[in-house]
C-alpha cells in the first residue's frame, strides 16, 4: 500500500512545473501597492503562478491569431491585435496599444487641439 501512495506522490511532484517568473519581482510589485502590508508565501507563490499562466495564455492566443505562424515568431503587433480583438484581453488595450507612426500621432494631436479651439 505504501508503494502505491509513494508512486502517486512521485507522479504529482513530477507533473508540477517550477515557476519561471522571479518571485522577488512579483513580491516587489505586490508591495508597491499601498494596500499591501505583508504577503503570505502561499499567496505570493499562487500569484506568481497565476501570472505565469496568464502570460502564457496571452502569448499562445496572440501566436495562434497572429501573423507569425509562418515564421514561428510572436510580435508586439500580434499582442496588440489580440488585446484589441479578444474580449478576454480587452482590458490590456491601454497597456498594449497598436503602434502608430509619430507623424500620425502628431497629426491627430494637432487635429484634437484644433477641435478644442473651435469649441470655444
PDB file of N, CA and C in Angstrom:
ATOM      1  N   UNK A   1       0.820  -1.183   0.000  1.00  0.00           N
ATOM      2  CA  UNK A   1       0.000   0.000   0.000  1.00  0.00           C
ATOM      3  C   UNK A   1       0.869   1.254   0.000  1.00  0.00           C
ATOM      4  N   UNK A   2       1.955   1.242   0.709  1.00  0.00           N
ATOM      5  CA  UNK A   2       2.816   2.407   0.742  1.00  0.00           C
ATOM      6  C   UNK A   2       3.487   2.637  -0.616  1.00  0.00           C
ATOM      7  N   UNK A   3       3.677   1.562  -1.391  1.00  0.00           N
ATOM      8  CA  UNK A   3       4.284   1.731  -2.703  1.00  0.00           C
ATOM      9  C   UNK A   3       3.348   2.496  -3.636  1.00  0.00           C
ATOM     10  N   UNK A   4       2.040   2.231  -3.564  1.00  0.00           N
ATOM     11  CA  UNK A   4       1.077   2.921  -4.414  1.00  0.00           C
ATOM     12  C   UNK A   4       1.010   4.399  -4.077  1.00  0.00           C
ATOM     13  N   UNK A   5       0.968   4.703  -2.789  1.00  0.00           N
ATOM     14  CA  UNK A   5       0.854   6.110  -2.416  1.00  0.00           C
ATOM     15  C   UNK A   5       2.126   6.873  -2.762  1.00  0.00           C
ATOM     16  N   UNK A   6       3.293   6.231  -2.629  1.00  0.00           N
ATOM     17  CA  UNK A   6       4.524   6.931  -2.989  1.00  0.00           C
ATOM     18  C   UNK A   6       4.612   7.102  -4.498  1.00  0.00           C
ATOM     19  N   UNK A   7       4.063   6.183  -5.261  1.00  0.00           N
ATOM     20  CA  UNK A   7       4.041   6.316  -6.714  1.00  0.00           C
ATOM     21  C   UNK A   7       3.175   7.493  -7.142  1.00  0.00           C
ATOM     22  N   UNK A   8       2.061   7.693  -6.445  1.00  0.00           N
ATOM     23  CA  UNK A   8       1.192   8.834  -6.734  1.00  0.00           C
ATOM     24  C   UNK A   8       1.890  10.139  -6.380  1.00  0.00           C
ATOM     25  N   UNK A   9       2.629  10.132  -5.274  1.00  0.00           N
ATOM     26  CA  UNK A   9       3.359  11.330  -4.874  1.00  0.00           C
ATOM     27  C   UNK A   9       4.421  11.691  -5.911  1.00  0.00           C
ATOM     28  N   UNK A  10       5.094  10.657  -6.448  1.00  0.00           N
ATOM     29  CA  UNK A  10       6.107  10.896  -7.465  1.00  0.00           C
ATOM     30  C   UNK A  10       5.487  11.480  -8.731  1.00  0.00           C
ATOM     31  N   UNK A  11       4.310  10.952  -9.106  1.00  0.00           N
ATOM     32  CA  UNK A  11       3.635  11.461 -10.291  1.00  0.00           C
ATOM     33  C   UNK A  11       3.189  12.896 -10.077  1.00  0.00           C
ATOM     34  N   UNK A  12       2.668  13.172  -8.891  1.00  0.00           N
ATOM     35  CA  UNK A  12       2.186  14.524  -8.599  1.00  0.00           C
ATOM     36  C   UNK A  12       3.341  15.511  -8.584  1.00  0.00           C
ATOM     37  N   UNK A  13       4.439  15.148  -7.965  1.00  0.00           N
ATOM     38  CA  UNK A  13       5.571  16.067  -7.917  1.00  0.00           C
ATOM     39  C   UNK A  13       6.244  16.167  -9.282  1.00  0.00           C
ATOM     40  N   UNK A  14       6.180  15.117 -10.081  1.00  0.00           N
ATOM     41  CA  UNK A  14       6.763  15.161 -11.419  1.00  0.00           C
ATOM     42  C   UNK A  14       5.956  16.027 -12.365  1.00  0.00           C
ATOM     43  N   UNK A  15       4.642  16.141 -12.142  1.00  0.00           N
ATOM     44  CA  UNK A  15       3.799  16.943 -13.025  1.00  0.00           C
ATOM     45  C   UNK A  15       3.851  18.420 -12.672  1.00  0.00           C
ATOM     46  N   UNK A  16       4.353  18.751 -11.489  1.00  0.00           N
ATOM     47  CA  UNK A  16       4.471  20.154 -11.101  1.00  0.00           C
ATOM     48  C   UNK A  16       5.658  20.774 -11.815  1.00  0.00           C
ATOM     49  N   UNK A  17       5.394  21.881 -12.489  1.00  0.00           N
ATOM     50  CA  UNK A  17       6.489  22.587 -13.143  1.00  0.00           C
ATOM     51  C   UNK A  17       6.894  23.746 -12.251  1.00  0.00           C
ATOM     52  N   UNK A  18       8.176  23.984 -12.123  1.00  0.00           N
ATOM     53  CA  UNK A  18       8.600  25.142 -11.328  1.00  0.00           C
ATOM     54  C   UNK A  18       8.178  26.430 -12.024  1.00  0.00           C
ATOM     55  N   UNK A  19       7.980  27.445 -11.241  1.00  0.00           N
ATOM     56  CA  UNK A  19       7.595  28.725 -11.833  1.00  0.00           C
ATOM     57  C   UNK A  19       8.811  29.372 -12.463  1.00  0.00           C
ATOM     58  N   UNK A  20       8.571  30.082 -13.541  1.00  0.00           N
ATOM     59  CA  UNK A  20       9.707  30.669 -14.249  1.00  0.00           C
ATOM     60  C   UNK A  20       9.820  32.176 -14.027  1.00  0.00           C
ATOM     61  N   UNK A  21       8.803  32.802 -13.444  1.00  0.00           N
ATOM     62  CA  UNK A  21       8.902  34.221 -13.123  1.00  0.00           C
ATOM     63  C   UNK A  21       9.634  34.385 -11.795  1.00  0.00           C
ATOM     64  N   UNK A  22      10.445  35.406 -11.662  1.00  0.00           N
ATOM     65  CA  UNK A  22      11.157  35.613 -10.398  1.00  0.00           C
ATOM     66  C   UNK A  22      10.200  36.065  -9.295  1.00  0.00           C
ATOM     67  N   UNK A  23      10.138  35.281  -8.243  1.00  0.00           N
ATOM     68  CA  UNK A  23       9.225  35.565  -7.135  1.00  0.00           C
ATOM     69  C   UNK A  23       9.570  36.901  -6.482  1.00  0.00           C
ATOM     70  N   UNK A  24      10.836  37.239  -6.450  1.00  0.00           N
ATOM     71  CA  UNK A  24      11.230  38.510  -5.821  1.00  0.00           C
ATOM     72  C   UNK A  24      10.637  39.702  -6.573  1.00  0.00           C
ATOM     73  N   UNK A  25      10.558  39.617  -7.887  1.00  0.00           N
ATOM     74  CA  UNK A  25       9.960  40.710  -8.670  1.00  0.00           C
ATOM     75  C   UNK A  25       8.463  40.815  -8.414  1.00  0.00           C
ATOM     76  N   UNK A  26       7.797  39.670  -8.338  1.00  0.00           N
ATOM     77  CA  UNK A  26       6.361  39.673  -8.070  1.00  0.00           C
ATOM     78  C   UNK A  26       6.104  40.245  -6.680  1.00  0.00           C
ATOM     79  N   UNK A  27       6.934  39.871  -5.716  1.00  0.00           N
ATOM     80  CA  UNK A  27       6.807  40.416  -4.360  1.00  0.00           C
ATOM     81  C   UNK A  27       6.983  41.935  -4.389  1.00  0.00           C
ATOM     82  N   UNK A  28       7.960  42.414  -5.129  1.00  0.00           N
ATOM     83  CA  UNK A  28       8.216  43.849  -5.237  1.00  0.00           C
ATOM     84  C   UNK A  28       7.009  44.577  -5.842  1.00  0.00           C
ATOM     85  N   UNK A  29       6.428  44.000  -6.867  1.00  0.00           N
ATOM     86  CA  UNK A  29       5.245  44.604  -7.491  1.00  0.00           C
ATOM     87  C   UNK A  29       4.075  44.597  -6.525  1.00  0.00           C
ATOM     88  N   UNK A  30       3.878  43.498  -5.816  1.00  0.00           N
ATOM     89  CA  UNK A  30       2.776  43.417  -4.862  1.00  0.00           C
ATOM     90  C   UNK A  30       2.971  44.423  -3.730  1.00  0.00           C
ATOM     91  N   UNK A  31       4.193  44.578  -3.253  1.00  0.00           N
ATOM     92  CA  UNK A  31       4.459  45.511  -2.152  1.00  0.00           C
ATOM     93  C   UNK A  31       4.373  46.968  -2.588  1.00  0.00           C
ATOM     94  N   UNK A  32       4.399  47.221  -3.878  1.00  0.00           N
ATOM     95  CA  UNK A  32       4.288  48.596  -4.361  1.00  0.00           C
ATOM     96  C   UNK A  32       2.882  49.155  -4.157  1.00  0.00           C
ATOM     97  N   UNK A  33       1.932  48.277  -3.894  1.00  0.00           N
ATOM     98  CA  UNK A  33       0.574  48.722  -3.603  1.00  0.00           C
ATOM     99  C   UNK A  33       0.497  49.233  -2.167  1.00  0.00           C
ATOM    100  N   UNK A  34      -0.087  50.400  -1.952  1.00  0.00           N
ATOM    101  CA  UNK A  34      -0.177  50.929  -0.583  1.00  0.00           C
ATOM    102  C   UNK A  34      -1.122  50.110   0.308  1.00  0.00           C
ATOM    103  N   UNK A  35      -1.972  49.301  -0.304  1.00  0.00           N
ATOM    104  CA  UNK A  35      -2.922  48.500   0.470  1.00  0.00           C
ATOM    105  C   UNK A  35      -2.304  47.221   1.031  1.00  0.00           C
ATOM    106  N   UNK A  36      -1.114  46.858   0.566  1.00  0.00           N
ATOM    107  CA  UNK A  36      -0.481  45.606   0.976  1.00  0.00           C
ATOM    108  C   UNK A  36       0.574  45.897   2.042  1.00  0.00           C
ATOM    109  N   UNK A  37       0.386  45.274   3.215  1.00  0.00           N
ATOM    110  CA  UNK A  37       1.370  45.461   4.277  1.00  0.00           C
ATOM    111  C   UNK A  37       2.281  44.246   4.404  1.00  0.00           C
ATOM    112  N   UNK A  38       1.722  43.047   4.285  1.00  0.00           N
ATOM    113  CA  UNK A  38       2.536  41.835   4.325  1.00  0.00           C
ATOM    114  C   UNK A  38       1.975  40.837   3.315  1.00  0.00           C
ATOM    115  N   UNK A  39       2.848  39.942   2.858  1.00  0.00           N
ATOM    116  CA  UNK A  39       2.462  38.985   1.822  1.00  0.00           C
ATOM    117  C   UNK A  39       2.745  37.579   2.322  1.00  0.00           C
ATOM    118  N   UNK A  40       1.730  36.765   2.348  1.00  0.00           N
ATOM    119  CA  UNK A  40       1.850  35.363   2.715  1.00  0.00           C
ATOM    120  C   UNK A  40       2.618  34.644   1.607  1.00  0.00           C
ATOM    121  N   UNK A  41       3.495  33.717   1.964  1.00  0.00           N
ATOM    122  CA  UNK A  41       4.302  32.993   0.971  1.00  0.00           C
ATOM    123  C   UNK A  41       3.435  32.191   0.003  1.00  0.00           C
ATOM    124  N   UNK A  42       2.351  31.604   0.515  1.00  0.00           N
ATOM    125  CA  UNK A  42       1.464  30.842  -0.361  1.00  0.00           C
ATOM    126  C   UNK A  42       0.767  31.762  -1.362  1.00  0.00           C
ATOM    127  N   UNK A  43       0.333  32.923  -0.884  1.00  0.00           N
ATOM    128  CA  UNK A  43      -0.317  33.886  -1.774  1.00  0.00           C
ATOM    129  C   UNK A  43       0.673  34.392  -2.821  1.00  0.00           C
ATOM    130  N   UNK A  44       1.902  34.596  -2.422  1.00  0.00           N
ATOM    131  CA  UNK A  44       2.937  35.043  -3.352  1.00  0.00           C
ATOM    132  C   UNK A  44       3.184  33.989  -4.427  1.00  0.00           C
ATOM    133  N   UNK A  45       3.295  32.726  -4.020  1.00  0.00           N
ATOM    134  CA  UNK A  45       3.520  31.651  -4.979  1.00  0.00           C
ATOM    135  C   UNK A  45       2.346  31.532  -5.934  1.00  0.00           C
ATOM    136  N   UNK A  46       1.119  31.563  -5.403  1.00  0.00           N
ATOM    137  CA  UNK A  46      -0.059  31.417  -6.260  1.00  0.00           C
ATOM    138  C   UNK A  46      -0.218  32.592  -7.215  1.00  0.00           C
ATOM    139  N   UNK A  47       0.074  33.798  -6.745  1.00  0.00           N
ATOM    140  CA  UNK A  47       0.002  34.965  -7.616  1.00  0.00           C
ATOM    141  C   UNK A  47       1.045  34.865  -8.728  1.00  0.00           C
ATOM    142  N   UNK A  48       2.232  34.416  -8.381  1.00  0.00           N
ATOM    143  CA  UNK A  48       3.287  34.252  -9.376  1.00  0.00           C
ATOM    144  C   UNK A  48       2.901  33.204 -10.410  1.00  0.00           C
ATOM    145  N   UNK A  49       2.372  32.091  -9.964  1.00  0.00           N
ATOM    146  CA  UNK A  49       1.964  31.020 -10.881  1.00  0.00           C
ATOM    147  C   UNK A  49       0.799  31.465 -11.757  1.00  0.00           C
ATOM    148  N   UNK A  50      -0.171  32.172 -11.183  1.00  0.00           N
ATOM    149  CA  UNK A  50      -1.310  32.659 -11.962  1.00  0.00           C
ATOM    150  C   UNK A  50      -0.849  33.666 -13.023  1.00  0.00           C
ATOM    151  N   UNK A  51       0.090  34.511 -12.659  1.00  0.00           N
ATOM    152  CA  UNK A  51       0.633  35.481 -13.612  1.00  0.00           C
ATOM    153  C   UNK A  51       1.345  34.768 -14.747  1.00  0.00           C
ATOM    154  N   UNK A  52       2.115  33.766 -14.405  1.00  0.00           N
ATOM    155  CA  UNK A  52       2.818  32.987 -15.428  1.00  0.00           C
ATOM    156  C   UNK A  52       1.832  32.327 -16.387  1.00  0.00           C
ATOM    157  N   UNK A  53       0.777  31.734 -15.854  1.00  0.00           N
ATOM    158  CA  UNK A  53      -0.224  31.084 -16.697  1.00  0.00           C
ATOM    159  C   UNK A  53      -0.968  32.095 -17.568  1.00  0.00           C
ATOM    160  N   UNK A  54      -1.237  33.274 -17.020  1.00  0.00           N
ATOM    161  CA  UNK A  54      -1.906  34.317 -17.795  1.00  0.00           C
ATOM    162  C   UNK A  54      -1.027  34.774 -18.961  1.00  0.00           C
ATOM    163  N   UNK A  55       0.233  35.014 -18.701  1.00  0.00           N
ATOM    164  CA  UNK A  55       1.149  35.451 -19.754  1.00  0.00           C
ATOM    165  C   UNK A  55       1.275  34.368 -20.823  1.00  0.00           C
ATOM    166  N   UNK A  56       1.317  33.130 -20.401  1.00  0.00           N
ATOM    167  CA  UNK A  56       1.390  32.019 -21.334  1.00  0.00           C
ATOM    168  C   UNK A  56       0.133  31.961 -22.207  1.00  0.00           C
ATOM    169  N   UNK A  57      -1.030  32.153 -21.599  1.00  0.00           N
ATOM    170  CA  UNK A  57      -2.300  32.138 -22.337  1.00  0.00           C
ATOM    171  C   UNK A  57      -2.356  33.296 -23.336  1.00  0.00           C
ATOM    172  N   UNK A  58      -1.928  34.479 -22.917  1.00  0.00           N
ATOM    173  CA  UNK A  58      -1.891  35.639 -23.807  1.00  0.00           C
ATOM    174  C   UNK A  58      -0.948  35.386 -24.979  1.00  0.00           C
ATOM    175  N   UNK A  59       0.212  34.839 -24.707  1.00  0.00           N
ATOM    176  CA  UNK A  59       1.184  34.580 -25.770  1.00  0.00           C
ATOM    177  C   UNK A  59       0.669  33.535 -26.756  1.00  0.00           C
ATOM    178  N   UNK A  60       0.071  32.468 -26.246  1.00  0.00           N
ATOM    179  CA  UNK A  60      -0.455  31.431 -27.137  1.00  0.00           C
ATOM    180  C   UNK A  60      -1.620  31.955 -27.985  1.00  0.00           C
ATOM    181  N   UNK A  61      -2.511  32.714 -27.376  1.00  0.00           N
ATOM    182  CA  UNK A  61      -3.627  33.288 -28.123  1.00  0.00           C
ATOM    183  C   UNK A  61      -3.127  34.251 -29.189  1.00  0.00           C
ATOM    184  N   UNK A  62      -2.154  35.060 -28.839  1.00  0.00           N
ATOM    185  CA  UNK A  62      -1.594  36.015 -29.792  1.00  0.00           C
ATOM    186  C   UNK A  62      -0.878  35.299 -30.927  1.00  0.00           C
ATOM    187  N   UNK A  63      -0.157  34.246 -30.611  1.00  0.00           N
ATOM    188  CA  UNK A  63       0.549  33.492 -31.643  1.00  0.00           C
ATOM    189  C   UNK A  63      -0.433  32.815 -32.585  1.00  0.00           C
ATOM    190  N   UNK A  64      -1.477  32.200 -32.027  1.00  0.00           N
ATOM    191  CA  UNK A  64      -2.457  31.492 -32.856  1.00  0.00           C
ATOM    192  C   UNK A  64      -3.266  32.440 -33.730  1.00  0.00           C
ATOM    193  N   UNK A  65      -3.538  33.638 -33.247  1.00  0.00           N
ATOM    194  CA  UNK A  65      -4.319  34.612 -34.018  1.00  0.00           C
ATOM    195  C   UNK A  65      -3.438  35.531 -34.856  1.00  0.00           C
ATOM    196  N   UNK A  66      -2.142  35.498 -34.625  1.00  0.00           N
ATOM    197  CA  UNK A  66      -1.236  36.443 -35.260  1.00  0.00           C
ATOM    198  C   UNK A  66      -0.716  35.984 -36.602  1.00  0.00           C
ATOM    199  N   UNK A  67       0.153  36.796 -37.123  1.00  0.00           N
ATOM    200  CA  UNK A  67       0.711  36.544 -38.445  1.00  0.00           C
ATOM    201  C   UNK A  67       2.042  35.807 -38.389  1.00  0.00           C
ATOM    202  N   UNK A  68       2.508  35.467 -37.233  1.00  0.00           N
ATOM    203  CA  UNK A  68       3.824  34.871 -37.082  1.00  0.00           C
ATOM    204  C   UNK A  68       3.868  33.367 -37.187  1.00  0.00           C
ATOM    205  N   UNK A  69       2.747  32.725 -37.507  1.00  0.00           N
ATOM    206  CA  UNK A  69       2.755  31.266 -37.594  1.00  0.00           C
ATOM    207  C   UNK A  69       3.718  30.759 -38.663  1.00  0.00           C
ATOM    208  N   UNK A  70       3.775  31.462 -39.777  1.00  0.00           N
ATOM    209  CA  UNK A  70       4.643  31.016 -40.867  1.00  0.00           C
ATOM    210  C   UNK A  70       6.114  31.112 -40.475  1.00  0.00           C
ATOM    211  N   UNK A  71       6.467  32.170 -39.773  1.00  0.00           N
ATOM    212  CA  UNK A  71       7.866  32.375 -39.397  1.00  0.00           C
ATOM    213  C   UNK A  71       8.166  31.914 -37.972  1.00  0.00           C
ATOM    214  N   UNK A  72       7.144  31.400 -37.294  1.00  0.00           N
ATOM    215  CA  UNK A  72       7.285  30.900 -35.931  1.00  0.00           C
ATOM    216  C   UNK A  72       7.771  32.000 -34.972  1.00  0.00           C
ATOM    217  N   UNK A  73       7.168  33.206 -35.116  1.00  0.00           N
ATOM    218  CA  UNK A  73       7.540  34.335 -34.264  1.00  0.00           C
ATOM    219  C   UNK A  73       6.288  34.962 -33.665  1.00  0.00           C
ATOM    220  N   UNK A  74       6.506  35.693 -32.598  1.00  0.00           N
ATOM    221  CA  UNK A  74       5.444  36.448 -31.947  1.00  0.00           C
ATOM    222  C   UNK A  74       5.905  37.891 -31.873  1.00  0.00           C
ATOM    223  N   UNK A  75       5.101  38.795 -32.398  1.00  0.00           N
ATOM    224  CA  UNK A  75       5.499  40.194 -32.427  1.00  0.00           C
ATOM    225  C   UNK A  75       4.589  41.032 -31.527  1.00  0.00           C
ATOM    226  N   UNK A  76       5.034  42.253 -31.272  1.00  0.00           N
ATOM    227  CA  UNK A  76       4.244  43.187 -30.474  1.00  0.00           C
ATOM    228  C   UNK A  76       2.885  43.423 -31.121  1.00  0.00           C
ATOM    229  N   UNK A  77       2.869  43.541 -32.439  1.00  0.00           N
ATOM    230  CA  UNK A  77       1.592  43.804 -33.124  1.00  0.00           C
ATOM    231  C   UNK A  77       0.619  42.642 -32.935  1.00  0.00           C
ATOM    232  N   UNK A  78       1.124  41.399 -32.839  1.00  0.00           N
ATOM    233  CA  UNK A  78       0.251  40.258 -32.556  1.00  0.00           C
ATOM    234  C   UNK A  78      -0.390  40.409 -31.175  1.00  0.00           C
ATOM    235  N   UNK A  79       0.408  40.822 -30.184  1.00  0.00           N
ATOM    236  CA  UNK A  79      -0.121  41.032 -28.835  1.00  0.00           C
ATOM    237  C   UNK A  79      -1.146  42.169 -28.824  1.00  0.00           C
ATOM    238  N   UNK A  80      -0.827  43.275 -29.500  1.00  0.00           N
ATOM    239  CA  UNK A  80      -1.734  44.424 -29.528  1.00  0.00           C
ATOM    240  C   UNK A  80      -3.036  44.076 -30.232  1.00  0.00           C
ATOM    241  N   UNK A  81      -2.957  43.333 -31.324  1.00  0.00           N
ATOM    242  CA  UNK A  81      -4.173  42.933 -32.043  1.00  0.00           C
ATOM    243  C   UNK A  81      -5.036  42.011 -31.194  1.00  0.00           C
ATOM    244  N   UNK A  82      -4.414  41.099 -30.484  1.00  0.00           N
ATOM    245  CA  UNK A  82      -5.170  40.200 -29.607  1.00  0.00           C
ATOM    246  C   UNK A  82      -5.858  40.986 -28.501  1.00  0.00           C
ATOM    247  N   UNK A  83      -5.176  41.971 -27.931  1.00  0.00           N
ATOM    248  CA  UNK A  83      -5.779  42.796 -26.880  1.00  0.00           C
ATOM    249  C   UNK A  83      -6.964  43.583 -27.432  1.00  0.00           C
ATOM    250  N   UNK A  84      -6.871  44.040 -28.670  1.00  0.00           N
ATOM    251  CA  UNK A  84      -7.951  44.822 -29.284  1.00  0.00           C
ATOM    252  C   UNK A  84      -9.139  43.941 -29.675  1.00  0.00           C
ATOM    253  N   UNK A  85      -8.868  42.740 -30.200  1.00  0.00           N
ATOM    254  CA  UNK A  85      -9.905  41.933 -30.832  1.00  0.00           C
ATOM    255  C   UNK A  85     -10.541  40.896 -29.919  1.00  0.00           C
ATOM    256  N   UNK A  86      -9.863  40.495 -28.862  1.00  0.00           N
ATOM    257  CA  UNK A  86     -10.385  39.450 -27.980  1.00  0.00           C
ATOM    258  C   UNK A  86     -10.950  40.091 -26.722  1.00  0.00           C
ATOM    259  N   UNK A  87     -12.193  39.802 -26.440  1.00  0.00           N
ATOM    260  CA  UNK A  87     -12.859  40.434 -25.294  1.00  0.00           C
ATOM    261  C   UNK A  87     -12.170  40.098 -23.975  1.00  0.00           C
ATOM    262  N   UNK A  88     -11.641  38.898 -23.863  1.00  0.00           N
ATOM    263  CA  UNK A  88     -10.950  38.490 -22.638  1.00  0.00           C
ATOM    264  C   UNK A  88      -9.771  39.394 -22.326  1.00  0.00           C
ATOM    265  N   UNK A  89      -9.067  39.844 -23.350  1.00  0.00           N
ATOM    266  CA  UNK A  89      -7.868  40.650 -23.171  1.00  0.00           C
ATOM    267  C   UNK A  89      -8.108  42.134 -23.426  1.00  0.00           C
ATOM    268  N   UNK A  90      -9.352  42.539 -23.556  1.00  0.00           N
ATOM    269  CA  UNK A  90      -9.657  43.927 -23.907  1.00  0.00           C
ATOM    270  C   UNK A  90      -9.154  44.918 -22.856  1.00  0.00           C
ATOM    271  N   UNK A  91      -9.025  44.496 -21.614  1.00  0.00           N
ATOM    272  CA  UNK A  91      -8.545  45.397 -20.562  1.00  0.00           C
ATOM    273  C   UNK A  91      -7.075  45.779 -20.763  1.00  0.00           C
ATOM    274  N   UNK A  92      -6.384  45.108 -21.663  1.00  0.00           N
ATOM    275  CA  UNK A  92      -4.975  45.390 -21.925  1.00  0.00           C
ATOM    276  C   UNK A  92      -4.759  46.417 -23.036  1.00  0.00           C
ATOM    277  N   UNK A  93      -5.847  46.958 -23.601  1.00  0.00           N
ATOM    278  CA  UNK A  93      -5.673  47.861 -24.746  1.00  0.00           C
ATOM    279  C   UNK A  93      -4.895  49.119 -24.384  1.00  0.00           C
ATOM    280  N   UNK A  94      -4.979  49.593 -23.143  1.00  0.00           N
ATOM    281  CA  UNK A  94      -4.190  50.765 -22.745  1.00  0.00           C
ATOM    282  C   UNK A  94      -2.717  50.412 -22.570  1.00  0.00           C
ATOM    283  N   UNK A  95      -2.446  49.195 -22.168  1.00  0.00           N
ATOM    284  CA  UNK A  95      -1.075  48.757 -21.933  1.00  0.00           C
ATOM    285  C   UNK A  95      -0.410  48.315 -23.236  1.00  0.00           C
ATOM    286  N   UNK A  96      -1.197  47.724 -24.131  1.00  0.00           N
ATOM    287  CA  UNK A  96      -0.686  47.243 -25.415  1.00  0.00           C
ATOM    288  C   UNK A  96      -1.383  47.973 -26.565  1.00  0.00           C
ATOM    289  N   UNK A  97      -1.158  49.259 -26.715  1.00  0.00           N
ATOM    290  CA  UNK A  97      -1.818  49.962 -27.823  1.00  0.00           C
ATOM    291  C   UNK A  97      -1.193  49.575 -29.158  1.00  0.00           C
ATOM    292  N   UNK A  98      -1.983  49.726 -30.213  1.00  0.00           N
ATOM    293  CA  UNK A  98      -1.434  49.480 -31.536  1.00  0.00           C
ATOM    294  C   UNK A  98      -0.402  50.550 -31.838  1.00  0.00           C
ATOM    295  N   UNK A  99       0.657  50.148 -32.521  1.00  0.00           N
ATOM    296  CA  UNK A  99       1.714  51.092 -32.874  1.00  0.00           C
ATOM    297  C   UNK A  99       1.237  52.002 -34.000  1.00  0.00           C
ATOM    298  N   UNK A 100       1.583  53.274 -33.863  1.00  0.00           N
ATOM    299  CA  UNK A 100       1.338  54.223 -34.940  1.00  0.00           C
ATOM    300  C   UNK A 100       2.610  55.029 -35.152  1.00  0.00           C
ATOM    301  N   UNK A 101       2.725  55.597 -36.327  1.00  0.00           N
ATOM    302  CA  UNK A 101       3.889  56.425 -36.617  1.00  0.00           C
ATOM    303  C   UNK A 101       3.809  57.724 -35.836  1.00  0.00           C
ATOM    304  N   UNK A 102       4.946  58.260 -35.486  1.00  0.00           N
ATOM    305  CA  UNK A 102       4.992  59.511 -34.725  1.00  0.00           C
ATOM    306  C   UNK A 102       4.295  60.635 -35.496  1.00  0.00           C
ATOM    307  N   UNK A 103       4.478  60.676 -36.795  1.00  0.00           N
ATOM    308  CA  UNK A 103       3.852  61.716 -37.615  1.00  0.00           C
ATOM    309  C   UNK A 103       2.330  61.599 -37.555  1.00  0.00           C
ATOM    310  N   UNK A 104       1.802  60.372 -37.592  1.00  0.00           N
ATOM    311  CA  UNK A 104       0.353  60.172 -37.488  1.00  0.00           C
ATOM    312  C   UNK A 104      -0.164  60.644 -36.133  1.00  0.00           C
ATOM    313  N   UNK A 105       0.604  60.359 -35.076  1.00  0.00           N
ATOM    314  CA  UNK A 105       0.213  60.805 -33.741  1.00  0.00           C
ATOM    315  C   UNK A 105       0.208  62.324 -33.645  1.00  0.00           C
ATOM    316  N   UNK A 106       1.233  62.954 -34.167  1.00  0.00           N
ATOM    317  CA  UNK A 106       1.298  64.416 -34.138  1.00  0.00           C
ATOM    318  C   UNK A 106       0.158  65.043 -34.927  1.00  0.00           C
ATOM    319  N   UNK A 107      -0.181  64.453 -36.066  1.00  0.00           N
ATOM    320  CA  UNK A 107      -1.305  64.954 -36.852  1.00  0.00           C
ATOM    321  C   UNK A 107      -2.616  64.834 -36.088  1.00  0.00           C
ATOM    322  N   UNK A 108      -2.828  63.700 -35.429  1.00  0.00           N
ATOM    323  CA  UNK A 108      -4.070  63.527 -34.663  1.00  0.00           C
ATOM    324  C   UNK A 108      -4.095  64.460 -33.454  1.00  0.00           C
ATOM    325  N   UNK A 109      -2.935  64.722 -32.867  1.00  0.00           N
ATOM    326  CA  UNK A 109      -2.848  65.650 -31.735  1.00  0.00           C
ATOM    327  C   UNK A 109      -3.186  67.070 -32.182  1.00  0.00           C
ATOM    328  N   UNK A 110      -2.664  67.487 -33.329  1.00  0.00           N
ATOM    329  CA  UNK A 110      -2.990  68.805 -33.870  1.00  0.00           C
ATOM    330  C   UNK A 110      -4.479  68.913 -34.186  1.00  0.00           C
ATOM    331  N   UNK A 111      -5.022  67.859 -34.719  1.00  0.00           N
ATOM    332  CA  UNK A 111      -6.449  67.840 -35.068  1.00  0.00           C
ATOM    333  C   UNK A 111      -7.304  67.978 -33.801  1.00  0.00           C
ATOM    334  N   UNK A 112      -6.917  67.289 -32.726  1.00  0.00           N
ATOM    335  CA  UNK A 112      -7.656  67.390 -31.465  1.00  0.00           C
ATOM    336  C   UNK A 112      -7.574  68.800 -30.902  1.00  0.00           C
ATOM    337  N   UNK A 113      -6.410  69.431 -31.006  1.00  0.00           N
ATOM    338  CA  UNK A 113      -6.240  70.789 -30.496  1.00  0.00           C
ATOM    339  C   UNK A 113      -7.066  71.770 -31.314  1.00  0.00           C
ATOM    340  N   UNK A 114      -7.140  71.569 -32.617  1.00  0.00           N
ATOM    341  CA  UNK A 114      -7.960  72.443 -33.457  1.00  0.00           C
ATOM    342  C   UNK A 114      -9.440  72.307 -33.113  1.00  0.00           C
ATOM    343  N   UNK A 115      -9.882  71.074 -32.847  1.00  0.00           N
ATOM    344  CA  UNK A 115     -11.279  70.861 -32.485  1.00  0.00           C
ATOM    345  C   UNK A 115     -11.598  71.501 -31.132  1.00  0.00           C
ATOM    346  N   UNK A 116     -10.662  71.421 -30.188  1.00  0.00           N
ATOM    347  CA  UNK A 116     -10.882  72.061 -28.885  1.00  0.00           C
ATOM    348  C   UNK A 116     -10.931  73.581 -29.042  1.00  0.00           C
ATOM    349  N   UNK A 117     -10.082  74.127 -29.895  1.00  0.00           N
ATOM    350  CA  UNK A 117     -10.075  75.572 -30.148  1.00  0.00           C
ATOM    351  C   UNK A 117     -11.357  76.014 -30.844  1.00  0.00           C
ATOM    352  N   UNK A 118     -11.920  75.185 -31.683  1.00  0.00           N
ATOM    353  CA  UNK A 118     -13.142  75.528 -32.397  1.00  0.00           C
ATOM    354  C   UNK A 118     -14.351  75.478 -31.476  1.00  0.00           C
ATOM    355  N   UNK A 119     -14.271  74.703 -30.402  1.00  0.00           N
ATOM    356  CA  UNK A 119     -15.382  74.585 -29.443  1.00  0.00           C
ATOM    357  C   UNK A 119     -15.553  75.862 -28.642  1.00  0.00           C
ATOM    358  N   UNK A 120     -14.501  76.636 -28.478  1.00  0.00           N
ATOM    359  CA  UNK A 120     -14.582  77.846 -27.658  1.00  0.00           C
ATOM    360  C   UNK A 120     -14.918  78.979 -28.503  1.00  0.00           C
TER     361      UNK A 120
END
